[in-house]
Amino acid sequence: MGQEAQISASVSTTTREKLDRFTESRGLKKNFVVEQALLYFMESRSELPDEAFIPTRIVLGNAAFDRLVKLLKRPPKPTRALIELMRGK
């Protein structure tokens, strides 16, 4: 292993607790998990276009939210084009 450097980052209490549980349940060191996560993140961001990353939060106005709820409750039937796409045609 090469030289080591320490970094500092603030994370939410929830994320810290998840990291603690994750590493403890798998017998892993936090340093290892954090470094691997950073490497995977940076690699994916350099290889994929920005459009491939979906934001974790979507903000909708009231009308758009109501429309989305309606579509989720009664989704439209798939179009022929969608069916062909899903079948790989």
PDB file of N, CA and C in Angstrom:
ATOM      1  N   MET A   1       0.850  -1.179   0.000  1.00  0.00           N
ATOM      2  CA  MET A   1       0.000   0.000   0.000  1.00  0.00           C
ATOM      3  C   MET A   1       0.893   1.239   0.000  1.00  0.00           C
ATOM      4  N   GLY A   2       0.482   2.270  -0.726  1.00  0.00           N
ATOM      5  CA  GLY A   2       1.268   3.492  -0.828  1.00  0.00           C
ATOM      6  C   GLY A   2       1.139   4.340   0.413  1.00  0.00           C
ATOM      7  N   GLN A   3       1.626   5.551   0.296  1.00  0.00           N
ATOM      8  CA  GLN A   3       1.530   6.483   1.412  1.00  0.00           C
ATOM      9  C   GLN A   3       0.067   6.764   1.704  1.00  0.00           C
ATOM     10  N   GLU A   4      -0.198   7.119   2.937  1.00  0.00           N
ATOM     11  CA  GLU A   4      -1.564   7.428   3.330  1.00  0.00           C
ATOM     12  C   GLU A   4      -1.682   8.893   3.700  1.00  0.00           C
ATOM     13  N   ALA A   5      -2.847   9.457   3.433  1.00  0.00           N
ATOM     14  CA  ALA A   5      -3.150  10.833   3.809  1.00  0.00           C
ATOM     15  C   ALA A   5      -4.525  10.835   4.447  1.00  0.00           C
ATOM     16  N   GLN A   6      -4.722  11.691   5.381  1.00  0.00           N
ATOM     17  CA  GLN A   6      -6.012  11.774   6.048  1.00  0.00           C
ATOM     18  C   GLN A   6      -6.835  12.882   5.409  1.00  0.00           C
ATOM     19  N   ILE A   7      -8.129  12.605   5.204  1.00  0.00           N
ATOM     20  CA  ILE A   7      -9.048  13.624   4.709  1.00  0.00           C
ATOM     21  C   ILE A   7     -10.139  13.819   5.743  1.00  0.00           C
ATOM     22  N   SER A   8     -10.814  14.927   5.645  1.00  0.00           N
ATOM     23  CA  SER A   8     -11.889  15.221   6.577  1.00  0.00           C
ATOM     24  C   SER A   8     -13.131  15.591   5.780  1.00  0.00           C
ATOM     25  N   ALA A   9     -14.258  15.018   6.168  1.00  0.00           N
ATOM     26  CA  ALA A   9     -15.520  15.330   5.506  1.00  0.00           C
ATOM     27  C   ALA A   9     -16.646  15.242   6.523  1.00  0.00           C
ATOM     28  N   SER A  10     -17.590  16.137   6.421  1.00  0.00           N
ATOM     29  CA  SER A  10     -18.764  16.089   7.284  1.00  0.00           C
ATOM     30  C   SER A  10     -19.862  15.305   6.575  1.00  0.00           C
ATOM     31  N   VAL A  11     -20.476  14.396   7.300  1.00  0.00           N
ATOM     32  CA  VAL A  11     -21.603  13.625   6.775  1.00  0.00           C
ATOM     33  C   VAL A  11     -22.728  13.698   7.796  1.00  0.00           C
ATOM     34  N   SER A  12     -23.931  13.374   7.348  1.00  0.00           N
ATOM     35  CA  SER A  12     -25.065  13.396   8.269  1.00  0.00           C
ATOM     36  C   SER A  12     -24.911  12.306   9.324  1.00  0.00           C
ATOM     37  N   THR A  13     -25.570  12.508  10.431  1.00  0.00           N
ATOM     38  CA  THR A  13     -25.549  11.513  11.500  1.00  0.00           C
ATOM     39  C   THR A  13     -26.090  10.180  10.989  1.00  0.00           C
ATOM     40  N   THR A  14     -27.113  10.238  10.156  1.00  0.00           N
ATOM     41  CA  THR A  14     -27.698   9.017   9.603  1.00  0.00           C
ATOM     42  C   THR A  14     -26.683   8.254   8.765  1.00  0.00           C
ATOM     43  N   THR A  15     -25.946   8.971   7.917  1.00  0.00           N
ATOM     44  CA  THR A  15     -24.930   8.322   7.087  1.00  0.00           C
ATOM     45  C   THR A  15     -23.839   7.718   7.961  1.00  0.00           C
ATOM     46  N   ARG A  16     -23.419   8.425   8.970  1.00  0.00           N
ATOM     47  CA  ARG A  16     -22.387   7.912   9.884  1.00  0.00           C
ATOM     48  C   ARG A  16     -22.867   6.637  10.566  1.00  0.00           C
ATOM     49  N   GLU A  17     -24.114   6.639  11.017  1.00  0.00           N
ATOM     50  CA  GLU A  17     -24.656   5.452  11.685  1.00  0.00           C
ATOM     51  C   GLU A  17     -24.748   4.274  10.718  1.00  0.00           C
ATOM     52  N   LYS A  18     -25.148   4.544   9.474  1.00  0.00           N
ATOM     53  CA  LYS A  18     -25.202   3.479   8.468  1.00  0.00           C
ATOM     54  C   LYS A  18     -23.818   2.908   8.199  1.00  0.00           C
ATOM     55  N   LEU A  19     -22.832   3.791   8.094  1.00  0.00           N
ATOM     56  CA  LEU A  19     -21.457   3.346   7.878  1.00  0.00           C
ATOM     57  C   LEU A  19     -20.983   2.495   9.051  1.00  0.00           C
ATOM     58  N   ASP A  20     -21.272   2.932  10.260  1.00  0.00           N
ATOM     59  CA  ASP A  20     -20.874   2.172  11.448  1.00  0.00           C
ATOM     60  C   ASP A  20     -21.490   0.772  11.434  1.00  0.00           C
ATOM     61  N   ARG A  21     -22.798   0.705  11.170  1.00  0.00           N
ATOM     62  CA  ARG A  21     -23.481  -0.606  11.139  1.00  0.00           C
ATOM     63  C   ARG A  21     -22.949  -1.479  10.013  1.00  0.00           C
ATOM     64  N   PHE A  22     -22.747  -0.876   8.841  1.00  0.00           N
ATOM     65  CA  PHE A  22     -22.271  -1.623   7.677  1.00  0.00           C
ATOM     66  C   PHE A  22     -20.901  -2.233   7.939  1.00  0.00           C
ATOM     67  N   THR A  23     -19.974  -1.416   8.410  1.00  0.00           N
ATOM     68  CA  THR A  23     -18.609  -1.915   8.621  1.00  0.00           C
ATOM     69  C   THR A  23     -18.552  -2.927   9.757  1.00  0.00           C
ATOM     70  N   GLU A  24     -19.298  -2.673  10.798  1.00  0.00           N
ATOM     71  CA  GLU A  24     -19.284  -3.597  11.942  1.00  0.00           C
ATOM     72  C   GLU A  24     -19.880  -4.955  11.566  1.00  0.00           C
ATOM     73  N   SER A  25     -20.976  -4.933  10.812  1.00  0.00           N
ATOM     74  CA  SER A  25     -21.637  -6.200  10.462  1.00  0.00           C
ATOM     75  C   SER A  25     -20.807  -7.039   9.491  1.00  0.00           C
ATOM     76  N   ARG A  26     -19.915  -6.407   8.756  1.00  0.00           N
ATOM     77  CA  ARG A  26     -19.103  -7.130   7.770  1.00  0.00           C
ATOM     78  C   ARG A  26     -17.639  -7.262   8.172  1.00  0.00           C
ATOM     79  N   GLY A  27     -17.307  -6.739   9.327  1.00  0.00           N
ATOM     80  CA  GLY A  27     -15.936  -6.832   9.804  1.00  0.00           C
ATOM     81  C   GLY A  27     -14.949  -6.045   8.954  1.00  0.00           C
ATOM     82  N   LEU A  28     -15.404  -4.922   8.422  1.00  0.00           N
ATOM     83  CA  LEU A  28     -14.550  -4.102   7.569  1.00  0.00           C
ATOM     84  C   LEU A  28     -14.066  -2.868   8.319  1.00  0.00           C
ATOM     85  N   LYS A  29     -12.973  -2.313   7.854  1.00  0.00           N
ATOM     86  CA  LYS A  29     -12.468  -1.059   8.401  1.00  0.00           C
ATOM     87  C   LYS A  29     -13.143   0.097   7.670  1.00  0.00           C
ATOM     88  N   LYS A  30     -13.497   1.124   8.406  1.00  0.00           N
ATOM     89  CA  LYS A  30     -14.150   2.287   7.797  1.00  0.00           C
ATOM     90  C   LYS A  30     -13.263   2.927   6.742  1.00  0.00           C
ATOM     91  N   ASN A  31     -11.986   3.010   7.006  1.00  0.00           N
ATOM     92  CA  ASN A  31     -11.064   3.614   6.031  1.00  0.00           C
ATOM     93  C   ASN A  31     -11.162   2.902   4.686  1.00  0.00           C
ATOM     94  N   PHE A  32     -11.195   1.586   4.717  1.00  0.00           N
ATOM     95  CA  PHE A  32     -11.275   0.791   3.490  1.00  0.00           C
ATOM     96  C   PHE A  32     -12.573   1.086   2.740  1.00  0.00           C
ATOM     97  N   VAL A  33     -13.692   1.075   3.448  1.00  0.00           N
ATOM     98  CA  VAL A  33     -14.998   1.292   2.819  1.00  0.00           C
ATOM     99  C   VAL A  33     -15.075   2.686   2.215  1.00  0.00           C
ATOM    100  N   VAL A  34     -14.634   3.687   2.951  1.00  0.00           N
ATOM    101  CA  VAL A  34     -14.689   5.064   2.454  1.00  0.00           C
ATOM    102  C   VAL A  34     -13.790   5.227   1.228  1.00  0.00           C
ATOM    103  N   GLU A  35     -12.585   4.686   1.280  1.00  0.00           N
ATOM    104  CA  GLU A  35     -11.682   4.819   0.134  1.00  0.00           C
ATOM    105  C   GLU A  35     -12.249   4.113  -1.093  1.00  0.00           C
ATOM    106  N   GLN A  36     -12.780   2.906  -0.923  1.00  0.00           N
ATOM    107  CA  GLN A  36     -13.357   2.183  -2.055  1.00  0.00           C
ATOM    108  C   GLN A  36     -14.552   2.936  -2.633  1.00  0.00           C
ATOM    109  N   ALA A  37     -15.392   3.475  -1.752  1.00  0.00           N
ATOM    110  CA  ALA A  37     -16.559   4.226  -2.214  1.00  0.00           C
ATOM    111  C   ALA A  37     -16.130   5.448  -3.019  1.00  0.00           C
ATOM    112  N   LEU A  38     -15.137   6.160  -2.549  1.00  0.00           N
ATOM    113  CA  LEU A  38     -14.640   7.326  -3.284  1.00  0.00           C
ATOM    114  C   LEU A  38     -14.068   6.934  -4.636  1.00  0.00           C
ATOM    115  N   LEU A  39     -13.294   5.863  -4.662  1.00  0.00           N
ATOM    116  CA  LEU A  39     -12.708   5.420  -5.927  1.00  0.00           C
ATOM    117  C   LEU A  39     -13.782   5.007  -6.929  1.00  0.00           C
ATOM    118  N   TYR A  40     -14.783   4.241  -6.466  1.00  0.00           N
ATOM    119  CA  TYR A  40     -15.878   3.833  -7.356  1.00  0.00           C
ATOM    120  C   TYR A  40     -16.651   5.051  -7.867  1.00  0.00           C
ATOM    121  N   PHE A  41     -16.909   6.005  -6.975  1.00  0.00           N
ATOM    122  CA  PHE A  41     -17.649   7.203  -7.355  1.00  0.00           C
ATOM    123  C   PHE A  41     -16.894   8.001  -8.410  1.00  0.00           C
ATOM    124  N   MET A  42     -15.617   8.245  -8.155  1.00  0.00           N
ATOM    125  CA  MET A  42     -14.829   9.044  -9.097  1.00  0.00           C
ATOM    126  C   MET A  42     -14.674   8.325 -10.434  1.00  0.00           C
ATOM    127  N   GLU A  43     -14.494   7.021 -10.409  1.00  0.00           N
ATOM    128  CA  GLU A  43     -14.367   6.246 -11.648  1.00  0.00           C
ATOM    129  C   GLU A  43     -15.650   6.323 -12.469  1.00  0.00           C
ATOM    130  N   SER A  44     -16.787   6.139 -11.806  1.00  0.00           N
ATOM    131  CA  SER A  44     -18.054   6.178 -12.538  1.00  0.00           C
ATOM    132  C   SER A  44     -18.322   7.563 -13.103  1.00  0.00           C
ATOM    133  N   ARG A  45     -17.972   8.605 -12.361  1.00  0.00           N
ATOM    134  CA  ARG A  45     -18.202   9.966 -12.853  1.00  0.00           C
ATOM    135  C   ARG A  45     -17.301  10.303 -14.030  1.00  0.00           C
ATOM    136  N   SER A  46     -16.149   9.668 -14.109  1.00  0.00           N
ATOM    137  CA  SER A  46     -15.252   9.956 -15.233  1.00  0.00           C
ATOM    138  C   SER A  46     -15.611   9.129 -16.467  1.00  0.00           C
ATOM    139  N   GLU A  47     -16.281   8.001 -16.285  1.00  0.00           N
ATOM    140  CA  GLU A  47     -16.595   7.131 -17.412  1.00  0.00           C
ATOM    141  C   GLU A  47     -17.994   7.329 -17.976  1.00  0.00           C
ATOM    142  N   LEU A  48     -18.895   7.847 -17.180  1.00  0.00           N
ATOM    143  CA  LEU A  48     -20.281   8.016 -17.624  1.00  0.00           C
ATOM    144  C   LEU A  48     -20.602   9.492 -17.831  1.00  0.00           C
ATOM    145  N   PRO A  49     -21.502   9.783 -18.771  1.00  0.00           N
ATOM    146  CA  PRO A  49     -21.891  11.189 -18.968  1.00  0.00           C
ATOM    147  C   PRO A  49     -22.739  11.673 -17.791  1.00  0.00           C
ATOM    148  N   ASP A  50     -22.753  12.967 -17.588  1.00  0.00           N
ATOM    149  CA  ASP A  50     -23.524  13.545 -16.484  1.00  0.00           C
ATOM    150  C   ASP A  50     -24.995  13.148 -16.545  1.00  0.00           C
ATOM    151  N   GLU A  51     -25.524  12.927 -17.751  1.00  0.00           N
ATOM    152  CA  GLU A  51     -26.936  12.573 -17.904  1.00  0.00           C
ATOM    153  C   GLU A  51     -27.250  11.215 -17.281  1.00  0.00           C
ATOM    154  N   ALA A  52     -26.236  10.397 -17.047  1.00  0.00           N
ATOM    155  CA  ALA A  52     -26.457   9.063 -16.487  1.00  0.00           C
ATOM    156  C   ALA A  52     -26.753   9.117 -14.989  1.00  0.00           C
ATOM    157  N   PHE A  53     -26.502  10.253 -14.376  1.00  0.00           N
ATOM    158  CA  PHE A  53     -26.699  10.362 -12.939  1.00  0.00           C
ATOM    159  C   PHE A  53     -27.998  11.102 -12.647  1.00  0.00           C
ATOM    160  N   ILE A  54     -28.917  10.384 -12.052  1.00  0.00           N
ATOM    161  CA  ILE A  54     -30.235  10.927 -11.743  1.00  0.00           C
ATOM    162  C   ILE A  54     -30.164  11.617 -10.384  1.00  0.00           C
ATOM    163  N   PRO A  55     -30.684  12.832 -10.295  1.00  0.00           N
ATOM    164  CA  PRO A  55     -30.645  13.509  -9.001  1.00  0.00           C
ATOM    165  C   PRO A  55     -31.411  12.701  -7.949  1.00  0.00           C
ATOM    166  N   THR A  56     -30.955  12.764  -6.710  1.00  0.00           N
ATOM    167  CA  THR A  56     -31.594  11.994  -5.648  1.00  0.00           C
ATOM    168  C   THR A  56     -32.887  12.637  -5.165  1.00  0.00           C
ATOM    169  N   ARG A  57     -33.128  13.861  -5.564  1.00  0.00           N
ATOM    170  CA  ARG A  57     -34.339  14.541  -5.130  1.00  0.00           C
ATOM    171  C   ARG A  57     -34.965  15.247  -6.322  1.00  0.00           C
ATOM    172  N   ILE A  58     -36.262  15.063  -6.467  1.00  0.00           N
ATOM    173  CA  ILE A  58     -36.998  15.738  -7.531  1.00  0.00           C
ATOM    174  C   ILE A  58     -38.030  16.629  -6.862  1.00  0.00           C
ATOM    175  N   VAL A  59     -38.065  17.885  -7.242  1.00  0.00           N
ATOM    176  CA  VAL A  59     -39.019  18.827  -6.669  1.00  0.00           C
ATOM    177  C   VAL A  59     -40.108  19.087  -7.700  1.00  0.00           C
ATOM    178  N   LEU A  60     -41.348  18.844  -7.295  1.00  0.00           N
ATOM    179  CA  LEU A  60     -42.492  19.040  -8.185  1.00  0.00           C
ATOM    180  C   LEU A  60     -43.423  20.096  -7.620  1.00  0.00           C
ATOM    181  N   GLY A  61     -44.034  20.838  -8.522  1.00  0.00           N
ATOM    182  CA  GLY A  61     -45.098  21.741  -8.115  1.00  0.00           C
ATOM    183  C   GLY A  61     -46.358  20.938  -7.813  1.00  0.00           C
ATOM    184  N   ASN A  62     -47.361  21.567  -7.242  1.00  0.00           N
ATOM    185  CA  ASN A  62     -48.578  20.858  -6.853  1.00  0.00           C
ATOM    186  C   ASN A  62     -49.275  20.190  -8.036  1.00  0.00           C
ATOM    187  N   ALA A  63     -49.372  20.887  -9.162  1.00  0.00           N
ATOM    188  CA  ALA A  63     -50.065  20.323 -10.326  1.00  0.00           C
ATOM    189  C   ALA A  63     -49.314  19.109 -10.875  1.00  0.00           C
ATOM    190  N   ALA A  64     -48.003  19.219 -10.970  1.00  0.00           N
ATOM    191  CA  ALA A  64     -47.204  18.096 -11.469  1.00  0.00           C
ATOM    192  C   ALA A  64     -47.278  16.911 -10.510  1.00  0.00           C
ATOM    193  N   PHE A  65     -47.263  17.190  -9.214  1.00  0.00           N
ATOM    194  CA  PHE A  65     -47.369  16.116  -8.229  1.00  0.00           C
ATOM    195  C   PHE A  65     -48.713  15.405  -8.357  1.00  0.00           C
ATOM    196  N   ASP A  66     -49.786  16.167  -8.479  1.00  0.00           N
ATOM    197  CA  ASP A  66     -51.115  15.571  -8.623  1.00  0.00           C
ATOM    198  C   ASP A  66     -51.196  14.707  -9.883  1.00  0.00           C
ATOM    199  N   ARG A  67     -50.594  15.170 -10.968  1.00  0.00           N
ATOM    200  CA  ARG A  67     -50.579  14.400 -12.213  1.00  0.00           C
ATOM    201  C   ARG A  67     -49.793  13.101 -12.047  1.00  0.00           C
ATOM    202  N   LEU A  68     -48.665  13.187 -11.362  1.00  0.00           N
ATOM    203  CA  LEU A  68     -47.847  12.001 -11.122  1.00  0.00           C
ATOM    204  C   LEU A  68     -48.607  10.981 -10.283  1.00  0.00           C
ATOM    205  N   VAL A  69     -49.265  11.426  -9.238  1.00  0.00           N
ATOM    206  CA  VAL A  69     -50.049  10.519  -8.392  1.00  0.00           C
ATOM    207  C   VAL A  69     -51.129   9.840  -9.219  1.00  0.00           C
ATOM    208  N   LYS A  70     -51.803  10.612 -10.060  1.00  0.00           N
ATOM    209  CA  LYS A  70     -52.855  10.058 -10.916  1.00  0.00           C
ATOM    210  C   LYS A  70     -52.285   8.990 -11.855  1.00  0.00           C
ATOM    211  N   LEU A  71     -51.127   9.264 -12.458  1.00  0.00           N
ATOM    212  CA  LEU A  71     -50.499   8.294 -13.358  1.00  0.00           C
ATOM    213  C   LEU A  71     -50.044   7.035 -12.620  1.00  0.00           C
ATOM    214  N   LEU A  72     -49.585   7.201 -11.406  1.00  0.00           N
ATOM    215  CA  LEU A  72     -49.163   6.040 -10.633  1.00  0.00           C
ATOM    216  C   LEU A  72     -50.352   5.172 -10.226  1.00  0.00           C
ATOM    217  N   LYS A  73     -51.476   5.803  -9.916  1.00  0.00           N
ATOM    218  CA  LYS A  73     -52.666   5.049  -9.531  1.00  0.00           C
ATOM    219  C   LYS A  73     -53.307   4.339 -10.720  1.00  0.00           C
ATOM    220  N   ARG A  74     -53.275   4.974 -11.886  1.00  0.00           N
ATOM    221  CA  ARG A  74     -53.859   4.403 -13.097  1.00  0.00           C
ATOM    222  C   ARG A  74     -52.897   4.593 -14.256  1.00  0.00           C
ATOM    223  N   PRO A  75     -51.858   3.759 -14.320  1.00  0.00           N
ATOM    224  CA  PRO A  75     -50.874   3.929 -15.392  1.00  0.00           C
ATOM    225  C   PRO A  75     -51.480   3.635 -16.764  1.00  0.00           C
ATOM    226  N   PRO A  76     -51.039   4.378 -17.775  1.00  0.00           N
ATOM    227  CA  PRO A  76     -51.551   4.116 -19.130  1.00  0.00           C
ATOM    228  C   PRO A  76     -51.011   2.786 -19.654  1.00  0.00           C
ATOM    229  N   LYS A  77     -51.721   2.221 -20.629  1.00  0.00           N
ATOM    230  CA  LYS A  77     -51.251   0.984 -21.245  1.00  0.00           C
ATOM    231  C   LYS A  77     -49.987   1.287 -22.042  1.00  0.00           C
ATOM    232  N   PRO A  78     -49.073   0.322 -22.114  1.00  0.00           N
ATOM    233  CA  PRO A  78     -47.838   0.555 -22.872  1.00  0.00           C
ATOM    234  C   PRO A  78     -48.127   0.729 -24.363  1.00  0.00           C
ATOM    235  N   THR A  79     -47.382   1.598 -24.989  1.00  0.00           N
ATOM    236  CA  THR A  79     -47.530   1.813 -26.423  1.00  0.00           C
ATOM    237  C   THR A  79     -46.836   0.684 -27.179  1.00  0.00           C
ATOM    238  N   ARG A  80     -47.148   0.558 -28.446  1.00  0.00           N
ATOM    239  CA  ARG A  80     -46.504  -0.460 -29.284  1.00  0.00           C
ATOM    240  C   ARG A  80     -44.983  -0.240 -29.302  1.00  0.00           C
ATOM    241  N   ALA A  81     -44.573   1.025 -29.400  1.00  0.00           N
ATOM    242  CA  ALA A  81     -43.148   1.337 -29.434  1.00  0.00           C
ATOM    243  C   ALA A  81     -42.460   0.879 -28.140  1.00  0.00           C
ATOM    244  N   LEU A  82     -43.094   1.068 -27.005  1.00  0.00           N
ATOM    245  CA  LEU A  82     -42.511   0.644 -25.740  1.00  0.00           C
ATOM    246  C   LEU A  82     -42.413  -0.880 -25.667  1.00  0.00           C
ATOM    247  N   ILE A  83     -43.437  -1.547 -26.107  1.00  0.00           N
ATOM    248  CA  ILE A  83     -43.430  -3.016 -26.109  1.00  0.00           C
ATOM    249  C   ILE A  83     -42.284  -3.532 -26.987  1.00  0.00           C
ATOM    250  N   GLU A  84     -42.136  -2.953 -28.162  1.00  0.00           N
ATOM    251  CA  GLU A  84     -41.056  -3.375 -29.079  1.00  0.00           C
ATOM    252  C   GLU A  84     -39.687  -3.086 -28.455  1.00  0.00           C
ATOM    253  N   LEU A  85     -39.568  -1.958 -27.817  1.00  0.00           N
ATOM    254  CA  LEU A  85     -38.312  -1.594 -27.169  1.00  0.00           C
ATOM    255  C   LEU A  85     -37.959  -2.615 -26.085  1.00  0.00           C
ATOM    256  N   MET A  86     -38.928  -2.973 -25.278  1.00  0.00           N
ATOM    257  CA  MET A  86     -38.686  -3.911 -24.187  1.00  0.00           C
ATOM    258  C   MET A  86     -38.381  -5.322 -24.715  1.00  0.00           C
ATOM    259  N   ARG A  87     -38.881  -5.632 -25.870  1.00  0.00           N
ATOM    260  CA  ARG A  87     -38.613  -6.950 -26.484  1.00  0.00           C
ATOM    261  C   ARG A  87     -37.323  -6.946 -27.288  1.00  0.00           C
ATOM    262  N   GLY A  88     -36.686  -5.790 -27.387  1.00  0.00           N
ATOM    263  CA  GLY A  88     -35.399  -5.692 -28.084  1.00  0.00           C
ATOM    264  C   GLY A  88     -35.514  -5.637 -29.585  1.00  0.00           C
ATOM    265  N   LYS A  89     -36.633  -5.155 -30.084  1.00  0.00           N
ATOM    266  CA  LYS A  89     -36.824  -5.076 -31.538  1.00  0.00           C
ATOM    267  C   LYS A  89     -36.410  -3.717 -32.049  1.00  0.00           C
TER     268      LYS A  89
END
